[in-house]
Amino acid sequence: MRINHEINRLRKCIGILFLFFVTYSTYSQQETASQKKNAIYFEMGGAGGSHSMNYERVLNVKSMLDLNFRGGFGFDNWKDYNGKINPDFVMPFTVTITYGKNHKIEGGLGESFSNTNETDINTGNPRRMSHLSTTFCIGYRYQNPAKNLLIRAGYMPYIEFNERFQHWAGVSIGFIF
């Protein structure tokens, strides 16, 4: 019960920070042509489960401090135990803050929505179940604007179904534009 209370407090804080930074960035920054604000990357591990494709948008807060919003999707276990195509999927949504120029320290949190195929204990048949898991991130990020390259690696634990803490790691590679 206590963990649910803490998670609800965390979600409220994320919402307030999100609104503050979006408003702050929108009215205080002018985007220049040289700033690359978008990223697409493939991640193994991390908030999207075993693997995911992600889109990220960057809002510059200060010269070396960025606020990043990410959404993605991942599929796993393409077939259920009956051999039918019935994939599990995960959709991570995270907010991260990065500090640095090309070599960055990254930290953040978010939620991952998952819809998985599980066994119904009453009938023994597969059924779809949806869950939310709170995710965290602390790691290293390298961005090379000249080559449009993005590499990320970090410790990315999560609270599975908002009940059980799990240690997890992730690595990403993609491009910025």
Protein backbone atom coordinates (compact mmCIF):
# COMPACT_ATOMS: atom_id res chain seq x y z
CA MET A 1 0.00 0.00 0.00
CA ARG A 2 2.84 2.37 0.86
CA ILE A 3 4.50 1.86 -2.52
CA ASN A 4 1.25 2.89 -4.31
CA HIS A 5 1.13 6.09 -2.25
CA GLU A 6 4.75 6.89 -3.15
CA ILE A 7 4.13 6.17 -6.83
CA ASN A 8 1.10 8.49 -6.88
CA ARG A 9 3.20 11.26 -5.29
CA LEU A 10 5.93 10.64 -7.87
CA ARG A 11 3.43 10.86 -10.75
CA LYS A 12 2.09 14.20 -9.43
CA CYS A 13 5.63 15.60 -9.18
CA ILE A 14 6.39 14.47 -12.74
CA GLY A 15 3.25 16.20 -13.99
CA ILE A 16 4.08 19.46 -12.24
CA LEU A 17 7.70 19.40 -13.48
CA PHE A 18 6.52 18.58 -16.99
CA LEU A 19 4.16 21.57 -17.08
CA PHE A 20 6.77 23.89 -15.59
CA PHE A 21 9.53 22.94 -18.03
CA VAL A 22 7.29 22.91 -21.10
CA THR A 23 6.01 26.39 -20.28
CA TYR A 24 9.48 27.66 -19.36
CA SER A 25 11.12 26.31 -22.53
CA THR A 26 8.35 27.44 -24.83
CA TYR A 27 8.52 31.06 -23.79
CA SER A 28 12.22 31.42 -23.04
CA GLN A 29 14.05 29.74 -25.92
CA GLN A 30 14.32 30.47 -29.60
CA GLU A 31 15.18 27.41 -31.68
CA THR A 32 18.07 27.89 -34.05
CA ALA A 33 18.77 25.91 -37.18
CA SER A 34 21.88 24.29 -35.66
CA GLN A 35 20.05 22.74 -32.69
CA LYS A 36 18.96 19.16 -33.29
CA LYS A 37 15.87 18.60 -31.19
CA ASN A 38 14.69 15.14 -32.29
CA ALA A 39 16.07 11.65 -31.88
CA ILE A 40 15.06 8.20 -33.03
CA TYR A 41 16.83 5.25 -31.46
CA PHE A 42 16.74 1.51 -30.89
CA GLU A 43 17.10 0.46 -27.26
CA MET A 44 17.97 -2.96 -25.85
CA GLY A 45 16.85 -3.29 -22.25
CA GLY A 46 15.67 -0.13 -20.56
CA ALA A 47 12.13 1.12 -20.12
CA GLY A 48 10.84 -0.69 -23.23
CA GLY A 49 11.64 -4.20 -22.05
CA SER A 50 13.97 -6.42 -24.05
CA HIS A 51 13.99 -4.00 -27.02
CA SER A 52 12.12 -0.94 -28.28
CA MET A 53 12.08 1.82 -30.89
CA ASN A 54 11.83 5.33 -29.48
CA TYR A 55 11.23 8.91 -30.50
CA GLU A 56 12.54 11.71 -28.30
CA ARG A 57 12.06 15.47 -28.34
CA VAL A 58 14.54 17.79 -26.62
CA LEU A 59 13.70 21.10 -24.97
CA ASN A 60 16.71 23.25 -24.12
CA VAL A 61 16.44 24.61 -20.60
CA LYS A 62 19.90 26.15 -20.25
CA SER A 63 23.02 26.03 -22.43
CA MET A 64 24.14 22.56 -21.23
CA LEU A 65 20.92 21.38 -19.55
CA ASP A 66 18.19 19.70 -21.63
CA LEU A 67 14.80 18.27 -20.81
CA ASN A 68 13.89 15.26 -22.97
CA PHE A 69 10.49 13.66 -23.58
CA ARG A 70 10.42 10.16 -25.02
CA GLY A 71 7.79 7.75 -26.26
CA GLY A 72 8.39 4.34 -27.72
CA PHE A 73 7.08 0.86 -28.40
CA GLY A 74 8.45 -2.63 -28.17
CA PHE A 75 7.20 -6.14 -28.97
CA ASP A 76 8.18 -9.42 -27.38
CA ASN A 77 6.98 -13.05 -27.30
CA TRP A 78 5.35 -12.99 -30.73
CA LYS A 79 3.45 -16.21 -30.13
CA ASP A 80 1.47 -17.35 -27.13
CA TYR A 81 1.90 -20.82 -25.63
CA ASN A 82 -0.68 -22.22 -28.10
CA GLY A 83 1.54 -21.16 -31.02
CA LYS A 84 -0.81 -18.37 -32.16
CA ILE A 85 0.56 -14.95 -33.06
CA ASN A 86 -0.31 -12.88 -30.01
CA PRO A 87 2.62 -10.51 -29.21
CA ASP A 88 3.23 -8.73 -25.93
CA PHE A 89 3.94 -5.03 -26.25
CA VAL A 90 5.39 -2.25 -24.11
CA MET A 91 5.08 1.52 -24.54
CA PRO A 92 7.59 3.51 -22.47
CA PHE A 93 7.08 7.21 -21.74
CA THR A 94 9.91 8.94 -19.92
CA VAL A 95 11.15 12.39 -18.99
CA THR A 96 14.91 12.80 -18.64
CA ILE A 97 17.26 15.64 -17.87
CA THR A 98 20.70 15.65 -19.48
CA TYR A 99 23.71 17.75 -18.58
CA GLY A 100 26.68 18.29 -20.86
CA LYS A 101 27.52 19.25 -24.43
CA ASN A 102 28.26 16.09 -26.47
CA HIS A 103 29.09 13.81 -23.53
CA LYS A 104 26.13 13.98 -21.15
CA ILE A 105 24.96 12.67 -17.82
CA GLU A 106 21.34 11.57 -18.00
CA GLY A 107 18.75 10.99 -15.29
CA GLY A 108 14.99 10.62 -15.36
CA LEU A 109 11.83 8.68 -14.72
CA GLY A 110 8.66 7.59 -16.41
CA GLU A 111 5.99 4.96 -16.89
CA SER A 112 5.87 1.93 -19.14
CA PHE A 113 2.50 0.61 -20.23
CA SER A 114 2.58 -3.10 -21.03
CA ASN A 115 -0.05 -5.39 -22.50
CA THR A 116 0.96 -9.01 -22.12
CA ASN A 117 -0.45 -12.43 -22.83
CA GLU A 118 -0.97 -14.35 -19.59
CA THR A 119 -2.76 -17.52 -18.56
CA ASP A 120 -6.25 -17.19 -17.10
CA ILE A 121 -6.10 -19.36 -13.97
CA ASN A 122 -9.83 -20.17 -14.20
CA THR A 123 -9.93 -21.38 -17.81
CA GLY A 124 -6.28 -22.10 -18.68
CA ASN A 125 -6.65 -19.97 -21.82
CA PRO A 126 -4.50 -17.01 -22.75
CA ARG A 127 -5.82 -13.56 -21.86
CA ARG A 128 -4.52 -10.02 -22.29
CA MET A 129 -3.45 -8.10 -19.18
CA SER A 130 -2.40 -4.44 -19.00
CA HIS A 131 0.04 -3.05 -16.44
CA LEU A 132 1.93 0.11 -15.58
CA SER A 133 5.52 0.00 -14.37
CA THR A 134 7.41 3.00 -13.02
CA THR A 135 10.84 3.37 -14.62
CA PHE A 136 14.02 5.23 -13.65
CA CYS A 137 17.18 6.08 -15.56
CA ILE A 138 20.70 7.19 -14.72
CA GLY A 139 23.41 6.93 -17.29
CA TYR A 140 25.69 8.26 -19.97
CA ARG A 141 24.68 9.74 -23.31
CA TYR A 142 26.84 10.70 -26.28
CA GLN A 143 25.52 12.90 -29.07
CA ASN A 144 27.60 13.89 -32.07
CA PRO A 145 25.66 16.57 -34.02
CA ALA A 146 28.17 16.49 -36.90
CA LYS A 147 27.45 12.79 -37.52
CA ASN A 148 23.84 12.80 -36.19
CA LEU A 149 24.85 9.97 -33.83
CA LEU A 150 23.24 9.13 -30.48
CA ILE A 151 24.52 6.47 -28.05
CA ARG A 152 23.08 5.87 -24.57
CA ALA A 153 23.90 3.41 -21.79
CA GLY A 154 22.75 3.25 -18.21
CA TYR A 155 21.21 1.69 -15.17
CA MET A 156 17.44 1.65 -15.68
CA PRO A 157 15.62 -0.05 -12.80
CA TYR A 158 11.85 -0.21 -12.64
CA ILE A 159 9.02 -1.09 -10.31
CA GLU A 160 7.32 -3.94 -12.15
CA PHE A 161 3.54 -3.52 -12.18
CA ASN A 162 4.20 -0.94 -9.42
CA GLU A 163 4.70 -3.82 -6.96
CA ARG A 164 8.23 -5.25 -7.25
CA PHE A 165 11.57 -3.45 -7.72
CA GLN A 166 13.68 -4.86 -10.57
CA HIS A 167 17.28 -4.03 -11.53
CA TRP A 168 17.67 -3.40 -15.26
CA ALA A 169 20.12 -1.86 -17.71
CA GLY A 170 19.83 -0.53 -21.23
CA VAL A 171 21.86 0.56 -24.24
CA SER A 172 20.65 2.62 -27.20
CA ILE A 173 21.90 3.65 -30.60
CA GLY A 174 20.23 5.98 -33.05
CA PHE A 175 20.38 9.31 -34.77
CA ILE A 176 19.49 12.93 -34.03
CA PHE A 177 17.94 15.35 -36.48
